Amino acid sequence: MAGKTNDTPDVINDDDLEPVADETADRARLVVTAHSADADEATMLLNMLGIGPDSSTSIVESDVEEEEAK
């Protein structure tokens, strides 16, 4: 049986993407890091989501320290 076809493109241009809200990115970082096996895996997954340490939306070090203190 053939797969379904649709009118949506398979590839999304970078120009069509919008950044997520800071609060959403912060919560996603917490979830990813909590469920990652190690720091390398967390970094890889965060980078795949576009919210990793190399992205422009990454949180600053003081925010990380605040979260760790809680």
Protein backbone atom coordinates (compact mmCIF):
# COMPACT_ATOMS: atom_id res chain seq x y z
CA MET A 1 0.00 0.00 0.00
CA ALA A 2 1.39 3.39 -0.95
CA GLY A 3 1.98 6.01 1.72
CA LYS A 4 -0.21 9.05 2.08
CA THR A 5 0.69 12.08 0.04
CA ASN A 6 0.13 15.62 1.14
CA ASP A 7 0.60 19.13 -0.10
CA THR A 8 3.06 20.14 2.61
CA PRO A 9 6.73 20.40 1.70
CA ASP A 10 9.17 17.89 3.16
CA VAL A 11 11.72 20.60 3.91
CA ILE A 12 11.13 23.81 5.84
CA ASN A 13 13.32 26.78 4.99
CA ASP A 14 15.23 28.44 7.82
CA ASP A 15 13.49 31.69 6.91
CA ASP A 16 10.14 30.09 7.78
CA LEU A 17 11.20 29.17 11.32
CA GLU A 18 10.43 31.39 14.29
CA PRO A 19 12.35 31.36 17.57
CA VAL A 20 10.59 29.87 20.57
CA ALA A 21 9.81 31.95 23.63
CA ASP A 22 12.58 32.11 26.24
CA GLU A 23 10.39 30.41 28.84
CA THR A 24 9.62 27.56 26.44
CA ALA A 25 13.30 27.11 25.60
CA ASP A 26 14.24 27.15 29.30
CA ARG A 27 11.68 24.46 30.13
CA ALA A 28 12.79 22.36 27.16
CA ARG A 29 16.41 22.61 28.35
CA LEU A 30 15.42 21.38 31.81
CA VAL A 31 13.47 18.42 30.41
CA VAL A 32 16.21 17.42 27.97
CA THR A 33 19.00 17.66 30.54
CA ALA A 34 16.97 15.76 33.13
CA HIS A 35 16.42 12.84 30.74
CA SER A 36 19.83 12.75 29.05
CA ALA A 37 22.35 10.06 29.89
CA ASP A 38 25.26 12.51 30.03
CA ALA A 39 26.35 16.04 29.11
CA ASP A 40 27.33 15.08 25.56
CA GLU A 41 23.89 13.62 24.87
CA ALA A 42 22.17 16.67 26.38
CA THR A 43 24.27 19.02 24.26
CA MET A 44 23.56 17.02 21.11
CA LEU A 45 19.80 16.99 21.74
CA LEU A 46 19.68 20.68 22.65
CA ASN A 47 21.60 21.56 19.49
CA MET A 48 19.17 19.46 17.44
CA LEU A 49 16.33 21.51 18.93
CA GLY A 50 18.17 24.75 18.21
CA ILE A 51 18.40 25.71 21.88
CA GLY A 52 21.86 24.38 22.68
CA PRO A 53 24.88 26.24 24.01
CA ASP A 54 25.90 27.24 20.47
CA SER A 55 22.53 28.78 19.62
CA SER A 56 21.62 32.42 20.02
CA THR A 57 18.79 31.60 22.45
CA SER A 58 20.93 29.79 24.99
CA ILE A 59 20.55 30.86 28.60
CA VAL A 60 23.40 32.61 30.32
CA GLU A 61 25.53 30.90 32.95
CA SER A 62 23.93 32.78 35.84
CA ASP A 63 20.51 31.41 34.88
CA VAL A 64 21.91 27.87 34.99
CA GLU A 65 23.36 28.49 38.44
CA GLU A 66 19.97 29.79 39.63
CA GLU A 67 18.21 26.64 38.39
CA GLU A 68 20.81 24.39 40.03
CA ALA A 69 20.35 26.21 43.35
CA LYS A 70 16.60 25.46 43.41
